[in-house]
N, C-alpha and C. Protein backbone atom coordinates (compact mmCIF):
# COMPACT_ATOMS: atom_id res chain seq x y z
N LEU A 1 9.72 4.50 58.46
CA LEU A 1 9.10 5.24 59.52
C LEU A 1 9.71 6.63 59.68
N LYS A 2 11.01 6.72 59.47
CA LYS A 2 11.67 8.02 59.59
C LYS A 2 11.13 9.00 58.55
N GLU A 3 10.94 8.50 57.34
CA GLU A 3 10.43 9.35 56.27
C GLU A 3 9.01 9.81 56.58
N ALA A 4 8.17 8.92 57.08
CA ALA A 4 6.80 9.29 57.43
C ALA A 4 6.80 10.34 58.54
N LYS A 5 7.66 10.16 59.53
CA LYS A 5 7.74 11.13 60.63
C LYS A 5 8.22 12.48 60.12
N ARG A 6 9.20 12.47 59.21
CA ARG A 6 9.72 13.71 58.64
C ARG A 6 8.61 14.43 57.89
N LEU A 7 7.84 13.69 57.08
CA LEU A 7 6.75 14.30 56.32
C LEU A 7 5.70 14.90 57.25
N GLU A 8 5.38 14.20 58.34
CA GLU A 8 4.42 14.72 59.31
C GLU A 8 4.93 16.01 59.95
N GLU A 9 6.21 16.02 60.30
CA GLU A 9 6.80 17.21 60.93
C GLU A 9 6.79 18.40 59.99
N GLU A 10 6.79 18.14 58.68
CA GLU A 10 6.72 19.22 57.69
C GLU A 10 5.29 19.68 57.45
N GLY A 11 4.33 19.04 58.15
CA GLY A 11 2.94 19.44 58.01
C GLY A 11 2.12 18.60 57.06
N ASN A 12 2.72 17.57 56.49
CA ASN A 12 1.98 16.68 55.60
C ASN A 12 1.14 15.71 56.41
N LYS A 13 -0.02 15.36 55.87
CA LYS A 13 -0.89 14.39 56.54
C LYS A 13 -0.45 12.99 56.10
N VAL A 14 -0.15 12.14 57.06
CA VAL A 14 0.27 10.77 56.78
C VAL A 14 -0.82 9.83 57.30
N LEU A 15 -1.36 9.01 56.41
CA LEU A 15 -2.36 8.03 56.82
C LEU A 15 -1.65 6.80 57.36
N LYS A 16 -1.92 6.48 58.60
CA LYS A 16 -1.27 5.34 59.25
C LYS A 16 -2.14 4.10 59.08
N LEU A 17 -1.91 3.40 58.00
CA LEU A 17 -2.71 2.22 57.68
C LEU A 17 -2.26 0.98 58.44
N ASN A 18 -1.18 1.07 59.16
CA ASN A 18 -0.64 -0.10 59.85
C ASN A 18 -1.21 -0.30 61.25
N ILE A 19 -2.02 0.61 61.73
CA ILE A 19 -2.48 0.57 63.11
C ILE A 19 -3.68 -0.36 63.28
N GLY A 20 -4.50 -0.50 62.27
CA GLY A 20 -5.65 -1.39 62.36
C GLY A 20 -6.90 -0.75 62.92
N ASN A 21 -6.91 0.56 63.05
CA ASN A 21 -8.09 1.27 63.55
C ASN A 21 -8.77 1.94 62.37
N PRO A 22 -9.92 1.42 61.92
CA PRO A 22 -10.57 1.98 60.74
C PRO A 22 -11.30 3.30 60.97
N ALA A 23 -11.58 3.66 62.22
CA ALA A 23 -12.37 4.86 62.51
C ALA A 23 -11.78 6.15 61.93
N PRO A 24 -10.45 6.38 62.00
CA PRO A 24 -9.92 7.63 61.45
C PRO A 24 -10.12 7.77 59.94
N PHE A 25 -10.46 6.67 59.28
CA PHE A 25 -10.63 6.72 57.83
C PHE A 25 -12.10 6.74 57.43
N GLY A 26 -12.98 7.04 58.40
CA GLY A 26 -14.39 7.19 58.09
C GLY A 26 -15.18 5.90 58.13
N PHE A 27 -14.61 4.83 58.66
CA PHE A 27 -15.32 3.56 58.73
C PHE A 27 -15.98 3.42 60.11
N ASP A 28 -16.97 4.24 60.34
CA ASP A 28 -17.70 4.20 61.60
C ASP A 28 -18.75 3.09 61.54
N ALA A 29 -19.12 2.58 62.71
CA ALA A 29 -20.16 1.56 62.77
C ALA A 29 -21.48 2.16 62.28
N PRO A 30 -22.21 1.45 61.42
CA PRO A 30 -23.51 1.94 60.96
C PRO A 30 -24.49 2.09 62.13
N ASP A 31 -25.42 3.02 62.00
CA ASP A 31 -26.38 3.30 63.07
C ASP A 31 -27.14 2.05 63.50
N GLU A 32 -27.54 1.19 62.54
CA GLU A 32 -28.32 0.01 62.91
C GLU A 32 -27.51 -0.96 63.78
N ILE A 33 -26.20 -0.98 63.60
CA ILE A 33 -25.36 -1.82 64.46
C ILE A 33 -25.28 -1.22 65.85
N LEU A 34 -25.11 0.10 65.92
CA LEU A 34 -25.06 0.76 67.23
C LEU A 34 -26.35 0.54 68.01
N VAL A 35 -27.49 0.64 67.32
CA VAL A 35 -28.79 0.41 67.97
C VAL A 35 -28.87 -1.02 68.49
N ASP A 36 -28.44 -2.00 67.67
CA ASP A 36 -28.48 -3.40 68.10
C ASP A 36 -27.55 -3.65 69.29
N VAL A 37 -26.37 -3.04 69.27
CA VAL A 37 -25.43 -3.21 70.39
C VAL A 37 -26.07 -2.69 71.68
N ILE A 38 -26.63 -1.50 71.62
CA ILE A 38 -27.26 -0.91 72.81
C ILE A 38 -28.43 -1.77 73.27
N ARG A 39 -29.25 -2.24 72.33
CA ARG A 39 -30.42 -3.06 72.67
C ARG A 39 -30.01 -4.38 73.34
N ASN A 40 -28.87 -4.94 72.94
CA ASN A 40 -28.45 -6.25 73.45
C ASN A 40 -27.51 -6.18 74.66
N LEU A 41 -27.15 -4.99 75.10
CA LEU A 41 -26.24 -4.86 76.25
C LEU A 41 -26.71 -5.61 77.50
N PRO A 42 -28.01 -5.56 77.85
CA PRO A 42 -28.43 -6.27 79.07
C PRO A 42 -28.18 -7.78 79.04
N THR A 43 -28.13 -8.39 77.88
CA THR A 43 -27.91 -9.84 77.78
C THR A 43 -26.50 -10.18 77.33
N ALA A 44 -25.64 -9.18 77.27
CA ALA A 44 -24.28 -9.39 76.76
C ALA A 44 -23.27 -9.51 77.90
N GLN A 45 -23.66 -10.14 78.97
CA GLN A 45 -22.77 -10.32 80.12
C GLN A 45 -22.04 -11.65 79.98
N GLY A 46 -20.80 -11.69 80.38
CA GLY A 46 -20.06 -12.95 80.39
C GLY A 46 -19.41 -13.28 79.06
N TYR A 47 -18.99 -14.52 78.95
CA TYR A 47 -18.25 -14.98 77.78
C TYR A 47 -19.13 -15.84 76.87
N CYS A 48 -18.78 -15.85 75.60
CA CYS A 48 -19.44 -16.76 74.67
C CYS A 48 -18.48 -17.92 74.41
N ASP A 49 -18.86 -18.82 73.54
CA ASP A 49 -18.00 -19.94 73.14
C ASP A 49 -16.65 -19.40 72.68
N SER A 50 -15.58 -20.11 72.97
CA SER A 50 -14.25 -19.62 72.61
C SER A 50 -14.05 -19.51 71.11
N LYS A 51 -14.88 -20.18 70.32
CA LYS A 51 -14.80 -20.06 68.86
C LYS A 51 -15.51 -18.80 68.36
N GLY A 52 -16.30 -18.18 69.23
CA GLY A 52 -17.05 -16.99 68.84
C GLY A 52 -18.54 -17.22 69.04
N LEU A 53 -19.30 -16.17 68.95
CA LEU A 53 -20.74 -16.21 69.14
C LEU A 53 -21.38 -17.13 68.10
N TYR A 54 -22.16 -18.09 68.55
CA TYR A 54 -22.74 -19.10 67.64
C TYR A 54 -23.54 -18.45 66.52
N SER A 55 -24.40 -17.49 66.84
CA SER A 55 -25.24 -16.87 65.80
C SER A 55 -24.40 -16.17 64.74
N ALA A 56 -23.28 -15.57 65.15
CA ALA A 56 -22.39 -14.92 64.18
C ALA A 56 -21.69 -15.96 63.32
N ARG A 57 -21.23 -17.06 63.94
CA ARG A 57 -20.58 -18.13 63.18
C ARG A 57 -21.55 -18.75 62.19
N LYS A 58 -22.82 -18.90 62.60
CA LYS A 58 -23.84 -19.46 61.71
C LYS A 58 -24.09 -18.53 60.53
N ALA A 59 -24.15 -17.23 60.78
CA ALA A 59 -24.35 -16.25 59.70
C ALA A 59 -23.19 -16.28 58.72
N ILE A 60 -21.97 -16.42 59.22
CA ILE A 60 -20.79 -16.52 58.34
C ILE A 60 -20.87 -17.79 57.51
N MET A 61 -21.25 -18.91 58.15
CA MET A 61 -21.40 -20.17 57.43
C MET A 61 -22.43 -20.02 56.30
N GLN A 62 -23.58 -19.44 56.60
CA GLN A 62 -24.63 -19.26 55.59
C GLN A 62 -24.15 -18.37 54.45
N HIS A 63 -23.39 -17.35 54.77
CA HIS A 63 -22.84 -16.45 53.76
C HIS A 63 -21.99 -17.23 52.77
N TYR A 64 -21.08 -18.05 53.28
CA TYR A 64 -20.17 -18.79 52.40
C TYR A 64 -20.87 -19.96 51.71
N GLN A 65 -21.83 -20.59 52.36
CA GLN A 65 -22.58 -21.65 51.69
C GLN A 65 -23.38 -21.10 50.52
N ALA A 66 -23.93 -19.89 50.68
CA ALA A 66 -24.69 -19.26 49.60
C ALA A 66 -23.80 -18.89 48.42
N ARG A 67 -22.50 -18.83 48.65
CA ARG A 67 -21.54 -18.50 47.59
C ARG A 67 -20.80 -19.74 47.09
N GLY A 68 -21.36 -20.92 47.36
CA GLY A 68 -20.83 -22.14 46.78
C GLY A 68 -19.94 -22.98 47.67
N MET A 69 -19.61 -22.53 48.86
CA MET A 69 -18.77 -23.33 49.76
C MET A 69 -19.68 -24.20 50.63
N ARG A 70 -20.28 -25.21 50.03
CA ARG A 70 -21.30 -26.03 50.68
C ARG A 70 -20.77 -26.85 51.86
N ASP A 71 -19.48 -27.16 51.87
CA ASP A 71 -18.94 -28.04 52.92
C ASP A 71 -18.59 -27.31 54.21
N VAL A 72 -18.63 -25.99 54.23
CA VAL A 72 -18.27 -25.26 55.45
C VAL A 72 -19.36 -25.46 56.51
N THR A 73 -18.93 -25.69 57.74
CA THR A 73 -19.87 -25.87 58.85
C THR A 73 -19.57 -24.83 59.93
N VAL A 74 -20.49 -24.69 60.86
CA VAL A 74 -20.30 -23.76 61.98
C VAL A 74 -19.03 -24.12 62.75
N GLU A 75 -18.74 -25.41 62.85
CA GLU A 75 -17.56 -25.85 63.60
C GLU A 75 -16.25 -25.48 62.92
N ASP A 76 -16.28 -25.13 61.63
CA ASP A 76 -15.08 -24.72 60.90
C ASP A 76 -14.73 -23.25 61.14
N ILE A 77 -15.61 -22.51 61.77
CA ILE A 77 -15.48 -21.05 61.84
C ILE A 77 -15.06 -20.60 63.24
N TYR A 78 -14.01 -19.79 63.27
CA TYR A 78 -13.51 -19.19 64.51
C TYR A 78 -13.56 -17.68 64.34
N ILE A 79 -14.09 -16.99 65.33
CA ILE A 79 -14.15 -15.53 65.30
C ILE A 79 -13.26 -15.01 66.42
N GLY A 80 -12.42 -14.03 66.10
CA GLY A 80 -11.53 -13.47 67.10
C GLY A 80 -11.89 -12.04 67.43
N ASN A 81 -11.17 -11.49 68.40
CA ASN A 81 -11.36 -10.10 68.81
C ASN A 81 -10.54 -9.15 67.96
N GLY A 82 -10.04 -9.62 66.87
CA GLY A 82 -9.21 -8.83 65.98
C GLY A 82 -8.19 -9.73 65.33
N VAL A 83 -7.50 -9.18 64.36
CA VAL A 83 -6.56 -9.98 63.59
C VAL A 83 -5.42 -10.50 64.45
N SER A 84 -5.00 -9.76 65.46
CA SER A 84 -3.89 -10.21 66.30
C SER A 84 -4.20 -11.54 66.98
N GLU A 85 -5.37 -11.64 67.56
CA GLU A 85 -5.76 -12.89 68.22
C GLU A 85 -5.80 -14.04 67.22
N LEU A 86 -6.34 -13.79 66.04
CA LEU A 86 -6.47 -14.85 65.05
C LEU A 86 -5.12 -15.27 64.48
N ILE A 87 -4.19 -14.33 64.34
CA ILE A 87 -2.84 -14.68 63.88
C ILE A 87 -2.19 -15.62 64.88
N VAL A 88 -2.28 -15.29 66.16
CA VAL A 88 -1.67 -16.14 67.20
C VAL A 88 -2.33 -17.51 67.21
N GLN A 89 -3.66 -17.57 67.11
CA GLN A 89 -4.35 -18.85 67.10
C GLN A 89 -3.92 -19.70 65.90
N ALA A 90 -3.84 -19.08 64.73
CA ALA A 90 -3.44 -19.82 63.53
C ALA A 90 -2.02 -20.34 63.65
N MET A 91 -1.12 -19.51 64.13
CA MET A 91 0.28 -19.93 64.28
C MET A 91 0.38 -21.09 65.27
N GLN A 92 -0.33 -20.99 66.38
CA GLN A 92 -0.26 -22.05 67.38
C GLN A 92 -0.89 -23.35 66.88
N ALA A 93 -1.87 -23.24 66.00
CA ALA A 93 -2.50 -24.44 65.46
C ALA A 93 -1.65 -25.09 64.38
N LEU A 94 -0.91 -24.29 63.61
CA LEU A 94 -0.22 -24.81 62.44
C LEU A 94 1.26 -25.12 62.65
N LEU A 95 1.90 -24.46 63.60
CA LEU A 95 3.35 -24.62 63.75
C LEU A 95 3.70 -25.58 64.88
N ASN A 96 4.74 -26.35 64.64
CA ASN A 96 5.30 -27.24 65.66
C ASN A 96 6.69 -26.74 66.02
N SER A 97 7.17 -27.13 67.17
CA SER A 97 8.52 -26.76 67.59
C SER A 97 9.52 -27.20 66.53
N GLY A 98 10.39 -26.29 66.12
CA GLY A 98 11.40 -26.59 65.11
C GLY A 98 10.98 -26.27 63.69
N ASP A 99 9.70 -25.97 63.46
CA ASP A 99 9.25 -25.59 62.12
C ASP A 99 9.88 -24.27 61.72
N GLU A 100 10.03 -24.08 60.42
CA GLU A 100 10.52 -22.81 59.89
C GLU A 100 9.38 -22.11 59.18
N MET A 101 9.38 -20.79 59.24
CA MET A 101 8.34 -20.01 58.58
C MET A 101 8.97 -18.77 57.98
N LEU A 102 8.59 -18.46 56.76
CA LEU A 102 9.07 -17.25 56.11
C LEU A 102 8.17 -16.09 56.53
N VAL A 103 8.79 -15.03 57.00
CA VAL A 103 8.07 -13.83 57.41
C VAL A 103 8.61 -12.68 56.57
N PRO A 104 7.72 -11.93 55.90
CA PRO A 104 8.19 -10.83 55.06
C PRO A 104 8.83 -9.72 55.89
N ALA A 105 9.70 -8.96 55.27
CA ALA A 105 10.32 -7.82 55.94
C ALA A 105 10.16 -6.61 55.04
N PRO A 106 9.66 -5.49 55.50
CA PRO A 106 9.20 -5.29 56.87
C PRO A 106 7.95 -6.13 57.13
N ASP A 107 7.74 -6.47 58.39
CA ASP A 107 6.61 -7.33 58.73
C ASP A 107 5.74 -6.68 59.78
N TYR A 108 4.58 -7.26 59.96
CA TYR A 108 3.71 -6.90 61.07
C TYR A 108 4.36 -7.50 62.30
N PRO A 109 4.74 -6.71 63.31
CA PRO A 109 5.54 -7.22 64.43
C PRO A 109 4.96 -8.47 65.11
N LEU A 110 3.65 -8.60 65.11
CA LEU A 110 3.06 -9.76 65.77
C LEU A 110 3.45 -11.06 65.08
N TRP A 111 3.68 -11.03 63.75
CA TRP A 111 4.02 -12.27 63.05
C TRP A 111 5.28 -12.88 63.65
N THR A 112 6.31 -12.07 63.82
CA THR A 112 7.58 -12.57 64.36
C THR A 112 7.37 -13.10 65.78
N ALA A 113 6.65 -12.36 66.59
CA ALA A 113 6.40 -12.79 67.97
C ALA A 113 5.57 -14.07 68.00
N ALA A 114 4.54 -14.14 67.16
CA ALA A 114 3.67 -15.32 67.14
C ALA A 114 4.43 -16.56 66.70
N VAL A 115 5.33 -16.41 65.73
CA VAL A 115 6.14 -17.54 65.29
C VAL A 115 7.03 -18.00 66.44
N SER A 116 7.66 -17.06 67.13
CA SER A 116 8.55 -17.40 68.25
C SER A 116 7.80 -18.09 69.38
N LEU A 117 6.60 -17.63 69.67
CA LEU A 117 5.82 -18.21 70.76
C LEU A 117 5.17 -19.54 70.40
N SER A 118 5.03 -19.79 69.11
CA SER A 118 4.38 -21.02 68.67
C SER A 118 5.40 -22.11 68.57
């Protein structure tokens, strides 16, 4: 991090790929998605199933079934609000008190916290 900061201070452009925000890299939402979001706002009140929106889970299931994963079902699919939520869910589902887990270093800070909390 010190080296990246030094390079930035010298006027070099540093791409921060660790933040998880794709917009600065030109990955904007396509217009058809923006139109659909705006069109569906009136019915997008409240919460959906904790596993994620059923229609989205079904589309994911169909995608993988079409690619040969015939056994996947809608109930196998969980959609999160981002990778952080899914990391915590996976850790809490897989780890028991006293389990050990190898975490790479340097690591994504959430991994260490998620292991500790799980």
